[in-house]
Amino acid sequence: LALNGCRVTFLEPSDDAAAFGEKVFAMNGVTVSRVTSTDQIAPGEYDVVISLDVLEHLSSPPDMVKEFAKWLRPGGFL
């Protein structure tokens, strides 16, 4: 998405995992913002929320999906 000109933010609390992601972003010549906590995300902040390899690690996936939905602007996509 960043390669296509979209503004991209990734949520990653782990510094080790974030370092890997930042290396991939740099190799592709894109700038991607990072947040480390859901507290840093305002309701209605995003047009799209994509979750990859996240829900299976959570104690309550439905609660996280509800949180994702709060982050979307009206008409946004999850």
C-alpha atoms as a PDB file:
ATOM      1  CA  LEU A   1       0.000   0.000   0.000  1.00  0.00           C
ATOM      2  CA  ALA A   2       2.804   2.409   0.799  1.00  0.00           C
ATOM      3  CA  LEU A   3       4.354   1.663  -2.590  1.00  0.00           C
ATOM      4  CA  ASN A   4       1.094   2.863  -4.139  1.00  0.00           C
ATOM      5  CA  GLY A   5       1.196   6.171  -2.288  1.00  0.00           C
ATOM      6  CA  CYS A   6      -1.039   5.328   0.662  1.00  0.00           C
ATOM      7  CA  ARG A   7      -0.195   6.662   4.100  1.00  0.00           C
ATOM      8  CA  VAL A   8       0.494   3.538   6.159  1.00  0.00           C
ATOM      9  CA  THR A   9       0.774   3.098   9.911  1.00  0.00           C
ATOM     10  CA  PHE A  10       1.643  -0.160  11.599  1.00  0.00           C
ATOM     11  CA  LEU A  11       0.924  -1.183  15.161  1.00  0.00           C
ATOM     12  CA  GLU A  12       3.738  -3.235  16.610  1.00  0.00           C
ATOM     13  CA  PRO A  13       4.502  -3.317  20.341  1.00  0.00           C
ATOM     14  CA  SER A  14       7.609  -5.506  19.917  1.00  0.00           C
ATOM     15  CA  ASP A  15      10.797  -3.615  19.103  1.00  0.00           C
ATOM     16  CA  ASP A  16      12.319  -6.746  17.545  1.00  0.00           C
ATOM     17  CA  ALA A  17       9.374  -7.307  15.210  1.00  0.00           C
ATOM     18  CA  ALA A  18       9.238  -3.598  14.406  1.00  0.00           C
ATOM     19  CA  ALA A  19      12.925  -3.608  13.462  1.00  0.00           C
ATOM     20  CA  PHE A  20      12.208  -6.339  10.922  1.00  0.00           C
ATOM     21  CA  GLY A  21       9.253  -4.385   9.514  1.00  0.00           C
ATOM     22  CA  GLU A  22      11.233  -1.159   9.321  1.00  0.00           C
ATOM     23  CA  LYS A  23      13.998  -2.977   7.440  1.00  0.00           C
ATOM     24  CA  VAL A  24      11.477  -4.254   4.890  1.00  0.00           C
ATOM     25  CA  PHE A  25       9.967  -0.780   4.502  1.00  0.00           C
ATOM     26  CA  ALA A  26      13.413   0.771   4.012  1.00  0.00           C
ATOM     27  CA  MET A  27      14.370  -1.877   1.415  1.00  0.00           C
ATOM     28  CA  ASN A  28      11.252  -0.882  -0.511  1.00  0.00           C
ATOM     29  CA  GLY A  29      11.954   2.833  -0.201  1.00  0.00           C
ATOM     30  CA  VAL A  30       8.764   3.662   1.686  1.00  0.00           C
ATOM     31  CA  THR A  31       8.062   5.572   4.852  1.00  0.00           C
ATOM     32  CA  VAL A  32       5.695   3.883   7.281  1.00  0.00           C
ATOM     33  CA  SER A  33       4.691   5.240  10.688  1.00  0.00           C
ATOM     34  CA  ARG A  34       4.659   3.027  13.752  1.00  0.00           C
ATOM     35  CA  VAL A  35       2.483   3.088  16.839  1.00  0.00           C
ATOM     36  CA  THR A  36       3.251   0.846  19.796  1.00  0.00           C
ATOM     37  CA  SER A  37      -0.094   0.869  21.593  1.00  0.00           C
ATOM     38  CA  THR A  38      -3.774   0.968  20.725  1.00  0.00           C
ATOM     39  CA  ASP A  39      -3.980   4.047  22.982  1.00  0.00           C
ATOM     40  CA  GLN A  40      -2.187   5.975  20.217  1.00  0.00           C
ATOM     41  CA  ILE A  41      -5.016   5.393  17.727  1.00  0.00           C
ATOM     42  CA  ALA A  42      -7.958   7.784  17.674  1.00  0.00           C
ATOM     43  CA  PRO A  43     -11.464   6.656  16.778  1.00  0.00           C
ATOM     44  CA  GLY A  44     -12.199   7.199  13.096  1.00  0.00           C
ATOM     45  CA  GLU A  45      -8.532   7.664  12.183  1.00  0.00           C
ATOM     46  CA  TYR A  46      -8.271   5.202   9.277  1.00  0.00           C
ATOM     47  CA  ASP A  47      -9.952   4.399   5.985  1.00  0.00           C
ATOM     48  CA  VAL A  48      -8.712   0.798   6.107  1.00  0.00           C
ATOM     49  CA  VAL A  49      -7.531  -1.531   8.865  1.00  0.00           C
ATOM     50  CA  ILE A  50      -5.671  -4.684   7.863  1.00  0.00           C
ATOM     51  CA  SER A  51      -4.811  -7.342  10.420  1.00  0.00           C
ATOM     52  CA  LEU A  52      -2.241  -9.991   9.528  1.00  0.00           C
ATOM     53  CA  ASP A  53      -1.260 -12.775  11.916  1.00  0.00           C
ATOM     54  CA  VAL A  54      -2.765 -11.035  14.931  1.00  0.00           C
ATOM     55  CA  LEU A  55      -6.114 -12.411  16.013  1.00  0.00           C
ATOM     56  CA  GLU A  56      -4.916 -15.972  16.659  1.00  0.00           C
ATOM     57  CA  HIS A  57      -2.573 -14.616  19.347  1.00  0.00           C
ATOM     58  CA  LEU A  58      -5.226 -12.794  21.361  1.00  0.00           C
ATOM     59  CA  SER A  59      -7.344 -13.987  24.273  1.00  0.00           C
ATOM     60  CA  SER A  60     -10.433 -12.275  22.805  1.00  0.00           C
ATOM     61  CA  PRO A  61     -10.317 -11.824  19.016  1.00  0.00           C
ATOM     62  CA  PRO A  62     -13.900 -10.447  18.899  1.00  0.00           C
ATOM     63  CA  ASP A  63     -12.918  -7.613  21.254  1.00  0.00           C
ATOM     64  CA  MET A  64      -9.980  -6.699  18.995  1.00  0.00           C
ATOM     65  CA  VAL A  65     -12.215  -6.697  15.920  1.00  0.00           C
ATOM     66  CA  LYS A  66     -14.542  -4.279  17.743  1.00  0.00           C
ATOM     67  CA  GLU A  67     -11.500  -2.081  18.465  1.00  0.00           C
ATOM     68  CA  PHE A  68     -10.464  -2.220  14.795  1.00  0.00           C
ATOM     69  CA  ALA A  69     -13.967  -1.109  13.809  1.00  0.00           C
ATOM     70  CA  LYS A  70     -13.728   1.933  16.129  1.00  0.00           C
ATOM     71  CA  TRP A  71     -10.574   3.060  14.316  1.00  0.00           C
ATOM     72  CA  LEU A  72     -12.379   3.224  10.957  1.00  0.00           C
ATOM     73  CA  ARG A  73     -13.869   6.313   9.391  1.00  0.00           C
ATOM     74  CA  PRO A  74     -17.477   5.955   8.229  1.00  0.00           C
ATOM     75  CA  GLY A  75     -17.494   3.694   5.189  1.00  0.00           C
ATOM     76  CA  GLY A  76     -14.066   2.295   6.072  1.00  0.00           C
ATOM     77  CA  PHE A  77     -12.921  -1.228   5.359  1.00  0.00           C
ATOM     78  CA  LEU A  78     -11.705  -3.923   7.739  1.00  0.00           C
END
